[in-house]
Structures are given as C-alpha cells and as structure tokens.
C-alpha cells in the first residue's frame, strides 16, 4: 500500500489575513478622521487668533490715545469732556433740552 502524501493542514490562527486587512483599514480610517478633526480645530483656532489680534490692536490704539491725553497738561478738560459727553453730567446751573419727538 502506497503512502499518501501528507496534506498540510491549515490551522486558523487569530491573525489571519482578513483580520489584518480589517485592522489596517480601520487604522487608516482612524488616522484620516484624526487628521480631519485636527485641521478643523486648527482653522477654528486661527480664526479666534485673528479676532483676538484685532481686539488687541483696538486696545493698543485706545491706550496710545489715553497715554497721549495723560501726558498732556490738559487732563481736566478731558475729564470734563468725558463727564459731559459720555456720562451725561451737567453743571448745576446748566439746562439741557432733549428732543423727544425722534424716539
């Protein structure tokens, strides 16, 4: 009786080709999602940075104007102007008339 050649039995392992391909695909998709969200966050932060930089520029302009006023000798005239125009103060003997028809 002739001996039959032994066939190699394929043993199923935990890391077969299908599982490895699935893991590789999921890693690639995960990296893609991570890159997308990181780019989105970076663009949002750049927008926030631009708006904050704009506000900084406004405050620096206001600071230079206030510093110029403080350095001048006419601080009382500035305080009087602010009190009358912005705070609606008036002198005791001053009369103010307001046009109520435009409301």
PDB file of N, CA and C in Angstrom:
ATOM      1  N   UNK A   1       0.794  -1.139   0.000  1.00  0.00           N
ATOM      2  CA  UNK A   1       0.000   0.000   0.000  1.00  0.00           C
ATOM      3  C   UNK A   1       0.877   1.258   0.000  1.00  0.00           C
ATOM      4  N   UNK A   2       0.634   2.046  -1.011  1.00  0.00           N
ATOM      5  CA  UNK A   2       1.449   3.252  -1.098  1.00  0.00           C
ATOM      6  C   UNK A   2       0.963   4.297  -0.084  1.00  0.00           C
ATOM      7  N   UNK A   3       1.919   4.986   0.387  1.00  0.00           N
ATOM      8  CA  UNK A   3       1.591   6.019   1.371  1.00  0.00           C
ATOM      9  C   UNK A   3       1.104   7.272   0.666  1.00  0.00           C
ATOM     10  N   UNK A   4       0.090   7.817   1.219  1.00  0.00           N
ATOM     11  CA  UNK A   4      -0.445   9.066   0.687  1.00  0.00           C
ATOM     12  C   UNK A   4       0.391  10.222   1.218  1.00  0.00           C
ATOM     13  N   UNK A   5       0.667  11.174   0.315  1.00  0.00           N
ATOM     14  CA  UNK A   5       1.418  12.315   0.829  1.00  0.00           C
ATOM     15  C   UNK A   5       0.569  13.086   1.845  1.00  0.00           C
ATOM     16  N   UNK A   6       1.220  13.559   2.837  1.00  0.00           N
ATOM     17  CA  UNK A   6       0.506  14.292   3.887  1.00  0.00           C
ATOM     18  C   UNK A   6       0.141  15.686   3.383  1.00  0.00           C
ATOM     19  N   UNK A   7      -1.063  16.013   3.587  1.00  0.00           N
ATOM     20  CA  UNK A   7      -1.505  17.353   3.246  1.00  0.00           C
ATOM     21  C   UNK A   7      -1.296  18.250   4.457  1.00  0.00           C
ATOM     22  N   UNK A   8      -0.830  19.447   4.133  1.00  0.00           N
ATOM     23  CA  UNK A   8      -0.629  20.383   5.232  1.00  0.00           C
ATOM     24  C   UNK A   8      -1.994  20.884   5.688  1.00  0.00           C
ATOM     25  N   UNK A   9      -2.207  20.760   6.913  1.00  0.00           N
ATOM     26  CA  UNK A   9      -3.442  21.273   7.470  1.00  0.00           C
ATOM     27  C   UNK A   9      -3.238  22.743   7.826  1.00  0.00           C
ATOM     28  N   UNK A  10      -4.123  23.508   7.264  1.00  0.00           N
ATOM     29  CA  UNK A  10      -4.050  24.939   7.568  1.00  0.00           C
ATOM     30  C   UNK A  10      -4.739  25.180   8.897  1.00  0.00           C
ATOM     31  N   UNK A  11      -3.989  25.686   9.742  1.00  0.00           N
ATOM     32  CA  UNK A  11      -4.512  25.992  11.045  1.00  0.00           C
ATOM     33  C   UNK A  11      -5.019  27.420  11.041  1.00  0.00           C
ATOM     34  N   UNK A  12      -6.179  27.644  11.519  1.00  0.00           N
ATOM     35  CA  UNK A  12      -6.716  29.001  11.588  1.00  0.00           C
ATOM     36  C   UNK A  12      -6.088  29.681  12.798  1.00  0.00           C
ATOM     37  N   UNK A  13      -5.479  30.769  12.502  1.00  0.00           N
ATOM     38  CA  UNK A  13      -4.860  31.497  13.597  1.00  0.00           C
ATOM     39  C   UNK A  13      -5.695  32.737  13.898  1.00  0.00           C
ATOM     40  N   UNK A  14      -5.357  33.356  14.961  1.00  0.00           N
ATOM     41  CA  UNK A  14      -6.072  34.551  15.365  1.00  0.00           C
ATOM     42  C   UNK A  14      -5.798  35.695  14.403  1.00  0.00           C
ATOM     43  N   UNK A  15      -4.600  35.749  13.855  1.00  0.00           N
ATOM     44  CA  UNK A  15      -4.199  36.824  12.962  1.00  0.00           C
ATOM     45  C   UNK A  15      -4.200  36.343  11.517  1.00  0.00           C
ATOM     46  N   UNK A  16      -5.354  36.029  11.019  1.00  0.00           N
ATOM     47  CA  UNK A  16      -5.414  35.630   9.619  1.00  0.00           C
ATOM     48  C   UNK A  16      -5.438  36.864   8.728  1.00  0.00           C
ATOM     49  N   UNK A  17      -5.359  36.691   7.450  1.00  0.00           N
ATOM     50  CA  UNK A  17      -5.224  37.812   6.519  1.00  0.00           C
ATOM     51  C   UNK A  17      -6.417  38.768   6.564  1.00  0.00           C
ATOM     52  N   UNK A  18      -7.587  38.259   6.675  1.00  0.00           N
ATOM     53  CA  UNK A  18      -8.777  39.110   6.713  1.00  0.00           C
ATOM     54  C   UNK A  18      -8.781  40.030   7.921  1.00  0.00           C
ATOM     55  N   UNK A  19      -8.396  39.487   9.051  1.00  0.00           N
ATOM     56  CA  UNK A  19      -8.373  40.293  10.270  1.00  0.00           C
ATOM     57  C   UNK A  19      -7.297  41.374  10.194  1.00  0.00           C
ATOM     58  N   UNK A  20      -6.161  41.041   9.625  1.00  0.00           N
ATOM     59  CA  UNK A  20      -5.079  42.019   9.477  1.00  0.00           C
ATOM     60  C   UNK A  20      -5.509  43.135   8.522  1.00  0.00           C
ATOM     61  N   UNK A  21      -6.164  42.771   7.426  1.00  0.00           N
ATOM     62  CA  UNK A  21      -6.644  43.785   6.481  1.00  0.00           C
ATOM     63  C   UNK A  21      -7.690  44.686   7.132  1.00  0.00           C
ATOM     64  N   UNK A  22      -8.561  44.097   7.892  1.00  0.00           N
ATOM     65  CA  UNK A  22      -9.579  44.878   8.588  1.00  0.00           C
ATOM     66  C   UNK A  22      -8.945  45.836   9.590  1.00  0.00           C
ATOM     67  N   UNK A  23      -7.963  45.375  10.329  1.00  0.00           N
ATOM     68  CA  UNK A  23      -7.279  46.225  11.299  1.00  0.00           C
ATOM     69  C   UNK A  23      -6.541  47.363  10.584  1.00  0.00           C
ATOM     70  N   UNK A  24      -5.887  47.054   9.479  1.00  0.00           N
ATOM     71  CA  UNK A  24      -5.164  48.087   8.732  1.00  0.00           C
ATOM     72  C   UNK A  24      -6.131  49.128   8.183  1.00  0.00           C
ATOM     73  N   UNK A  25      -7.264  48.689   7.669  1.00  0.00           N
ATOM     74  CA  UNK A  25      -8.252  49.620   7.135  1.00  0.00           C
ATOM     75  C   UNK A  25      -8.814  50.511   8.241  1.00  0.00           C
ATOM     76  N   UNK A  26      -9.072  49.931   9.394  1.00  0.00           N
ATOM     77  CA  UNK A  26      -9.610  50.736  10.495  1.00  0.00           C
ATOM     78  C   UNK A  26      -8.567  51.734  11.010  1.00  0.00           C
ATOM     79  N   UNK A  27      -7.307  51.359  11.013  1.00  0.00           N
ATOM     80  CA  UNK A  27      -6.256  52.292  11.415  1.00  0.00           C
ATOM     81  C   UNK A  27      -6.164  53.442  10.421  1.00  0.00           C
ATOM     82  N   UNK A  28      -6.265  53.153   9.135  1.00  0.00           N
ATOM     83  CA  UNK A  28      -6.200  54.198   8.116  1.00  0.00           C
ATOM     84  C   UNK A  28      -7.397  55.146   8.240  1.00  0.00           C
ATOM     85  N   UNK A  29      -8.582  54.597   8.432  1.00  0.00           N
ATOM     86  CA  UNK A  29      -9.767  55.434   8.601  1.00  0.00           C
ATOM     87  C   UNK A  29      -9.649  56.282   9.869  1.00  0.00           C
ATOM     88  N   UNK A  30      -9.176  55.693  10.935  1.00  0.00           N
ATOM     89  CA  UNK A  30      -8.988  56.437  12.178  1.00  0.00           C
ATOM     90  C   UNK A  30      -7.996  57.579  12.014  1.00  0.00           C
ATOM     91  N   UNK A  31      -6.910  57.339  11.312  1.00  0.00           N
ATOM     92  CA  UNK A  31      -5.925  58.396  11.065  1.00  0.00           C
ATOM     93  C   UNK A  31      -6.532  59.509  10.204  1.00  0.00           C
ATOM     94  N   UNK A  32      -7.329  59.126   9.225  1.00  0.00           N
ATOM     95  CA  UNK A  32      -7.983  60.129   8.384  1.00  0.00           C
ATOM     96  C   UNK A  32      -8.920  61.016   9.181  1.00  0.00           C
ATOM     97  N   UNK A  33      -9.711  60.407  10.045  1.00  0.00           N
ATOM     98  CA  UNK A  33     -10.625  61.173  10.896  1.00  0.00           C
ATOM     99  C   UNK A  33      -9.841  62.076  11.835  1.00  0.00           C
ATOM    100  N   UNK A  34      -8.762  61.571  12.395  1.00  0.00           N
ATOM    101  CA  UNK A  34      -7.930  62.363  13.297  1.00  0.00           C
ATOM    102  C   UNK A  34      -7.310  63.558  12.581  1.00  0.00           C
ATOM    103  N   UNK A  35      -6.831  63.355  11.381  1.00  0.00           N
ATOM    104  CA  UNK A  35      -6.250  64.453  10.599  1.00  0.00           C
ATOM    105  C   UNK A  35      -7.323  65.490  10.283  1.00  0.00           C
ATOM    106  N   UNK A  36      -8.500  65.053   9.880  1.00  0.00           N
ATOM    107  CA  UNK A  36      -9.592  65.975   9.556  1.00  0.00           C
ATOM    108  C   UNK A  36      -9.982  66.827  10.758  1.00  0.00           C
ATOM    109  N   UNK A  37     -10.164  66.211  11.916  1.00  0.00           N
ATOM    110  CA  UNK A  37     -10.569  66.964  13.102  1.00  0.00           C
ATOM    111  C   UNK A  37      -9.463  67.907  13.562  1.00  0.00           C
ATOM    112  N   UNK A  38      -8.222  67.493  13.424  1.00  0.00           N
ATOM    113  CA  UNK A  38      -7.111  68.366  13.803  1.00  0.00           C
ATOM    114  C   UNK A  38      -7.049  69.590  12.901  1.00  0.00           C
ATOM    115  N   UNK A  39      -7.237  69.407  11.614  1.00  0.00           N
ATOM    116  CA  UNK A  39      -7.243  70.538  10.686  1.00  0.00           C
ATOM    117  C   UNK A  39      -8.400  71.486  10.976  1.00  0.00           C
ATOM    118  N   UNK A  40      -9.559  70.927  11.297  1.00  0.00           N
ATOM    119  CA  UNK A  40     -10.724  71.750  11.627  1.00  0.00           C
ATOM    120  C   UNK A  40     -10.457  72.571  12.882  1.00  0.00           C
ATOM    121  N   UNK A  41      -9.900  71.944  13.914  1.00  0.00           N
ATOM    122  CA  UNK A  41      -9.584  72.654  15.149  1.00  0.00           C
ATOM    123  C   UNK A  41      -8.544  73.746  14.906  1.00  0.00           C
ATOM    124  N   UNK A  42      -7.559  73.462  14.071  1.00  0.00           N
ATOM    125  CA  UNK A  42      -6.528  74.463  13.765  1.00  0.00           C
ATOM    126  C   UNK A  42      -7.129  75.672  13.056  1.00  0.00           C
ATOM    127  N   UNK A  43      -8.036  75.433  12.128  1.00  0.00           N
ATOM    128  CA  UNK A  43      -8.644  76.569  11.424  1.00  0.00           C
ATOM    129  C   UNK A  43      -9.510  77.396  12.366  1.00  0.00           C
ATOM    130  N   UNK A  44     -10.219  76.753  13.288  1.00  0.00           N
ATOM    131  CA  UNK A  44     -11.010  77.488  14.271  1.00  0.00           C
ATOM    132  C   UNK A  44     -10.110  78.322  15.183  1.00  0.00           C
ATOM    133  N   UNK A  45      -9.002  77.742  15.616  1.00  0.00           N
ATOM    134  CA  UNK A  45      -8.082  78.469  16.491  1.00  0.00           C
ATOM    135  C   UNK A  45      -7.426  79.635  15.755  1.00  0.00           C
ATOM    136  N   UNK A  46      -7.136  79.476  14.469  1.00  0.00           N
ATOM    137  CA  UNK A  46      -6.577  80.576  13.689  1.00  0.00           C
ATOM    138  C   UNK A  46      -7.580  81.721  13.563  1.00  0.00           C
ATOM    139  N   UNK A  47      -8.851  81.367  13.406  1.00  0.00           N
ATOM    140  CA  UNK A  47      -9.893  82.395  13.337  1.00  0.00           C
ATOM    141  C   UNK A  47      -9.995  83.136  14.672  1.00  0.00           C
ATOM    142  N   UNK A  48      -9.967  82.396  15.774  1.00  0.00           N
ATOM    143  CA  UNK A  48     -10.002  83.014  17.095  1.00  0.00           C
ATOM    144  C   UNK A  48      -8.788  83.914  17.304  1.00  0.00           C
ATOM    145  N   UNK A  49      -7.627  83.461  16.849  1.00  0.00           N
ATOM    146  CA  UNK A  49      -6.411  84.253  16.978  1.00  0.00           C
ATOM    147  C   UNK A  49      -6.530  85.561  16.213  1.00  0.00           C
ATOM    148  N   UNK A  50      -7.103  85.509  15.027  1.00  0.00           N
ATOM    149  CA  UNK A  50      -7.265  86.728  14.231  1.00  0.00           C
ATOM    150  C   UNK A  50      -8.203  87.711  14.928  1.00  0.00           C
ATOM    151  N   UNK A  51      -9.296  87.215  15.503  1.00  0.00           N
ATOM    152  CA  UNK A  51     -10.228  88.123  16.185  1.00  0.00           C
ATOM    153  C   UNK A  51      -9.604  88.697  17.456  1.00  0.00           C
ATOM    154  N   UNK A  52      -8.840  87.896  18.177  1.00  0.00           N
ATOM    155  CA  UNK A  52      -8.176  88.396  19.382  1.00  0.00           C
ATOM    156  C   UNK A  52      -7.102  89.424  19.002  1.00  0.00           C
ATOM    157  N   UNK A  53      -6.387  89.172  17.916  1.00  0.00           N
ATOM    158  CA  UNK A  53      -5.376  90.123  17.470  1.00  0.00           C
ATOM    159  C   UNK A  53      -6.012  91.454  17.070  1.00  0.00           C
ATOM    160  N   UNK A  54      -7.185  91.392  16.453  1.00  0.00           N
ATOM    161  CA  UNK A  54      -7.912  92.615  16.093  1.00  0.00           C
ATOM    162  C   UNK A  54      -8.293  93.400  17.347  1.00  0.00           C
ATOM    163  N   UNK A  55      -8.792  92.698  18.370  1.00  0.00           N
ATOM    164  CA  UNK A  55      -9.151  93.361  19.621  1.00  0.00           C
ATOM    165  C   UNK A  55      -7.920  93.969  20.288  1.00  0.00           C
ATOM    166  N   UNK A  56      -6.794  93.272  20.229  1.00  0.00           N
ATOM    167  CA  UNK A  56      -5.554  93.790  20.804  1.00  0.00           C
ATOM    168  C   UNK A  56      -5.162  95.080  20.107  1.00  0.00           C
ATOM    169  N   UNK A  57      -5.277  95.100  18.798  1.00  0.00           N
ATOM    170  CA  UNK A  57      -4.946  96.308  18.040  1.00  0.00           C
ATOM    171  C   UNK A  57      -5.850  97.476  18.442  1.00  0.00           C
ATOM    172  N   UNK A  58      -7.136  97.197  18.624  1.00  0.00           N
ATOM    173  CA  UNK A  58      -8.051  98.260  19.059  1.00  0.00           C
ATOM    174  C   UNK A  58      -7.668  98.805  20.432  1.00  0.00           C
ATOM    175  N   UNK A  59      -7.365  97.907  21.361  1.00  0.00           N
ATOM    176  CA  UNK A  59      -6.996  98.345  22.706  1.00  0.00           C
ATOM    177  C   UNK A  59      -5.668  99.100  22.709  1.00  0.00           C
ATOM    178  N   UNK A  60      -4.732  98.667  21.875  1.00  0.00           N
ATOM    179  CA  UNK A  60      -3.457  99.387  21.809  1.00  0.00           C
ATOM    180  C   UNK A  60      -3.655 100.795  21.259  1.00  0.00           C
ATOM    181  N   UNK A  61      -4.545 100.932  20.277  1.00  0.00           N
ATOM    182  CA  UNK A  61      -4.845 102.259  19.745  1.00  0.00           C
ATOM    183  C   UNK A  61      -5.485 103.134  20.817  1.00  0.00           C
ATOM    184  N   UNK A  62      -6.418 102.565  21.559  1.00  0.00           N
ATOM    185  CA  UNK A  62      -7.063 103.312  22.638  1.00  0.00           C
ATOM    186  C   UNK A  62      -6.059 103.675  23.730  1.00  0.00           C
ATOM    187  N   UNK A  63      -5.149 102.752  24.034  1.00  0.00           N
ATOM    188  CA  UNK A  63      -4.136 103.031  25.055  1.00  0.00           C
ATOM    189  C   UNK A  63      -3.212 104.165  24.637  1.00  0.00           C
ATOM    190  N   UNK A  64      -2.799 104.186  23.391  1.00  0.00           N
ATOM    191  CA  UNK A  64      -1.917 105.269  22.942  1.00  0.00           C
ATOM    192  C   UNK A  64      -2.642 106.613  23.001  1.00  0.00           C
ATOM    193  N   UNK A  65      -3.925 106.608  22.656  1.00  0.00           N
ATOM    194  CA  UNK A  65      -4.706 107.851  22.739  1.00  0.00           C
ATOM    195  C   UNK A  65      -4.836 108.316  24.195  1.00  0.00           C
ATOM    196  N   UNK A  66      -5.117 107.385  25.085  1.00  0.00           N
ATOM    197  CA  UNK A  66      -5.229 107.746  26.505  1.00  0.00           C
ATOM    198  C   UNK A  66      -3.881 108.185  27.078  1.00  0.00           C
ATOM    199  N   UNK A  67      -2.816 107.538  26.664  1.00  0.00           N
ATOM    200  CA  UNK A  67      -1.487 107.927  27.133  1.00  0.00           C
ATOM    201  C   UNK A  67      -1.127 109.326  26.640  1.00  0.00           C
ATOM    202  N   UNK A  68      -1.507 109.638  25.413  1.00  0.00           N
ATOM    203  CA  UNK A  68      -1.256 110.975  24.881  1.00  0.00           C
ATOM    204  C   UNK A  68      -2.011 112.019  25.698  1.00  0.00           C
ATOM    205  N   UNK A  69      -3.251 111.706  26.068  1.00  0.00           N
ATOM    206  CA  UNK A  69      -4.051 112.637  26.866  1.00  0.00           C
ATOM    207  C   UNK A  69      -3.462 112.787  28.264  1.00  0.00           C
ATOM    208  N   UNK A  70      -3.010 111.677  28.854  1.00  0.00           N
ATOM    209  CA  UNK A  70      -2.427 111.747  30.195  1.00  0.00           C
ATOM    210  C   UNK A  70      -1.119 112.520  30.205  1.00  0.00           C
ATOM    211  N   UNK A  71      -0.354 112.409  29.137  1.00  0.00           N
ATOM    212  CA  UNK A  71       0.921 113.115  29.069  1.00  0.00           C
ATOM    213  C   UNK A  71       0.746 114.613  28.863  1.00  0.00           C
ATOM    214  N   UNK A  72      -0.385 115.001  28.305  1.00  0.00           N
ATOM    215  CA  UNK A  72      -0.614 116.438  28.120  1.00  0.00           C
ATOM    216  C   UNK A  72      -1.026 117.058  29.450  1.00  0.00           C
ATOM    217  N   UNK A  73      -0.949 118.372  29.510  1.00  0.00           N
ATOM    218  CA  UNK A  73      -1.270 119.082  30.749  1.00  0.00           C
ATOM    219  C   UNK A  73      -2.761 119.371  30.886  1.00  0.00           C
ATOM    220  N   UNK A  74      -3.538 119.045  29.876  1.00  0.00           N
ATOM    221  CA  UNK A  74      -4.949 119.426  29.853  1.00  0.00           C
ATOM    222  C   UNK A  74      -5.839 118.247  30.261  1.00  0.00           C
ATOM    223  N   UNK A  75      -5.548 117.617  31.390  1.00  0.00           N
ATOM    224  CA  UNK A  75      -6.318 116.454  31.851  1.00  0.00           C
ATOM    225  C   UNK A  75      -7.696 116.863  32.351  1.00  0.00           C
ATOM    226  N   UNK A  76      -7.835 118.044  32.920  1.00  0.00           N
ATOM    227  CA  UNK A  76      -9.141 118.475  33.432  1.00  0.00           C
ATOM    228  C   UNK A  76     -10.124 118.708  32.291  1.00  0.00           C
ATOM    229  N   UNK A  77      -9.670 119.217  31.185  1.00  0.00           N
ATOM    230  CA  UNK A  77     -10.559 119.415  30.036  1.00  0.00           C
ATOM    231  C   UNK A  77     -11.022 118.060  29.492  1.00  0.00           C
ATOM    232  N   UNK A  78     -10.132 117.089  29.505  1.00  0.00           N
ATOM    233  CA  UNK A  78     -10.514 115.743  29.045  1.00  0.00           C
ATOM    234  C   UNK A  78     -11.543 115.127  29.991  1.00  0.00           C
ATOM    235  N   UNK A  79     -11.324 115.252  31.280  1.00  0.00           N
ATOM    236  CA  UNK A  79     -12.276 114.687  32.245  1.00  0.00           C
ATOM    237  C   UNK A  79     -13.632 115.371  32.129  1.00  0.00           C
ATOM    238  N   UNK A  80     -13.629 116.663  31.903  1.00  0.00           N
ATOM    239  CA  UNK A  80     -14.878 117.395  31.723  1.00  0.00           C
ATOM    240  C   UNK A  80     -15.605 116.929  30.455  1.00  0.00           C
ATOM    241  N   UNK A  81     -14.866 116.722  29.390  1.00  0.00           N
ATOM    242  CA  UNK A  81     -15.453 116.260  28.130  1.00  0.00           C
ATOM    243  C   UNK A  81     -16.096 114.884  28.297  1.00  0.00           C
ATOM    244  N   UNK A  82     -15.402 113.977  28.969  1.00  0.00           N
ATOM    245  CA  UNK A  82     -15.940 112.629  29.206  1.00  0.00           C
ATOM    246  C   UNK A  82     -17.181 112.704  30.090  1.00  0.00           C
ATOM    247  N   UNK A  83     -17.151 113.513  31.123  1.00  0.00           N
ATOM    248  CA  UNK A  83     -18.292 113.622  32.034  1.00  0.00           C
ATOM    249  C   UNK A  83     -19.525 114.148  31.314  1.00  0.00           C
ATOM    250  N   UNK A  84     -19.340 115.134  30.466  1.00  0.00           N
ATOM    251  CA  UNK A  84     -20.484 115.731  29.780  1.00  0.00           C
ATOM    252  C   UNK A  84     -20.983 114.845  28.645  1.00  0.00           C
ATOM    253  N   UNK A  85     -20.071 114.327  27.818  1.00  0.00           N
ATOM    254  CA  UNK A  85     -20.478 113.589  26.616  1.00  0.00           C
ATOM    255  C   UNK A  85     -20.885 112.144  26.886  1.00  0.00           C
ATOM    256  N   UNK A  86     -20.137 111.457  27.716  1.00  0.00           N
ATOM    257  CA  UNK A  86     -20.399 110.029  27.907  1.00  0.00           C
ATOM    258  C   UNK A  86     -21.229 109.726  29.145  1.00  0.00           C
ATOM    259  N   UNK A  87     -21.040 110.489  30.195  1.00  0.00           N
ATOM    260  CA  UNK A  87     -21.744 110.216  31.454  1.00  0.00           C
ATOM    261  C   UNK A  87     -22.986 111.071  31.651  1.00  0.00           C
ATOM    262  N   UNK A  88     -23.230 111.996  30.755  1.00  0.00           N
ATOM    263  CA  UNK A  88     -24.393 112.887  30.815  1.00  0.00           C
ATOM    264  C   UNK A  88     -24.448 113.712  32.092  1.00  0.00           C
ATOM    265  N   UNK A  89     -23.308 114.128  32.593  1.00  0.00           N
ATOM    266  CA  UNK A  89     -23.270 115.046  33.724  1.00  0.00           C
ATOM    267  C   UNK A  89     -23.527 116.455  33.214  1.00  0.00           C
ATOM    268  N   UNK A  90     -23.931 117.303  34.122  1.00  0.00           N
ATOM    269  CA  UNK A  90     -24.171 118.705  33.766  1.00  0.00           C
ATOM    270  C   UNK A  90     -23.766 119.577  34.944  1.00  0.00           C
ATOM    271  N   UNK A  91     -23.522 120.843  34.643  1.00  0.00           N
ATOM    272  CA  UNK A  91     -23.225 121.797  35.705  1.00  0.00           C
ATOM    273  C   UNK A  91     -24.523 122.099  36.454  1.00  0.00           C
ATOM    274  N   UNK A  92     -24.441 122.552  37.712  1.00  0.00           N
ATOM    275  CA  UNK A  92     -25.658 122.805  38.490  1.00  0.00           C
ATOM    276  C   UNK A  92     -26.576 123.854  37.865  1.00  0.00           C
ATOM    277  N   UNK A  93     -26.016 124.842  37.212  1.00  0.00           N
ATOM    278  CA  UNK A  93     -26.852 125.889  36.638  1.00  0.00           C
ATOM    279  C   UNK A  93     -27.118 125.682  35.146  1.00  0.00           C
ATOM    280  N   UNK A  94     -26.769 124.532  34.637  1.00  0.00           N
ATOM    281  CA  UNK A  94     -26.932 124.263  33.209  1.00  0.00           C
ATOM    282  C   UNK A  94     -28.305 123.637  32.935  1.00  0.00           C
ATOM    283  N   UNK A  95     -28.933 124.079  31.835  1.00  0.00           N
ATOM    284  CA  UNK A  95     -30.212 123.498  31.426  1.00  0.00           C
ATOM    285  C   UNK A  95     -29.992 122.734  30.134  1.00  0.00           C
ATOM    286  N   UNK A  96     -30.564 121.538  30.110  1.00  0.00           N
ATOM    287  CA  UNK A  96     -30.442 120.721  28.906  1.00  0.00           C
ATOM    288  C   UNK A  96     -31.828 120.424  28.372  1.00  0.00           C
ATOM    289  N   UNK A  97     -31.919 120.506  27.064  1.00  0.00           N
ATOM    290  CA  UNK A  97     -33.175 120.228  26.397  1.00  0.00           C
ATOM    291  C   UNK A  97     -32.966 119.038  25.459  1.00  0.00           C
ATOM    292  N   UNK A  98     -33.867 118.076  25.542  1.00  0.00           N
ATOM    293  CA  UNK A  98     -33.779 116.875  24.718  1.00  0.00           C
ATOM    294  C   UNK A  98     -34.969 116.803  23.798  1.00  0.00           C
ATOM    295  N   UNK A  99     -34.728 116.432  22.568  1.00  0.00           N
ATOM    296  CA  UNK A  99     -35.796 116.303  21.582  1.00  0.00           C
ATOM    297  C   UNK A  99     -36.399 114.914  21.709  1.00  0.00           C
ATOM    298  N   UNK A 100     -37.581 114.810  22.267  1.00  0.00           N
ATOM    299  CA  UNK A 100     -38.258 113.531  22.483  1.00  0.00           C
ATOM    300  C   UNK A 100     -39.096 113.114  21.279  1.00  0.00           C
ATOM    301  N   UNK A 101     -39.257 113.962  20.299  1.00  0.00           N
ATOM    302  CA  UNK A 101     -40.091 113.629  19.148  1.00  0.00           C
ATOM    303  C   UNK A 101     -39.419 112.603  18.243  1.00  0.00           C
ATOM    304  N   UNK A 102     -38.146 112.397  18.350  1.00  0.00           N
ATOM    305  CA  UNK A 102     -37.417 111.476  17.474  1.00  0.00           C
ATOM    306  C   UNK A 102     -37.357 110.049  18.020  1.00  0.00           C
ATOM    307  N   UNK A 103     -37.930 109.804  19.138  1.00  0.00           N
ATOM    308  CA  UNK A 103     -37.881 108.463  19.746  1.00  0.00           C
ATOM    309  C   UNK A 103     -38.617 107.461  18.968  1.00  0.00           C
TER     310      UNK A 103
END
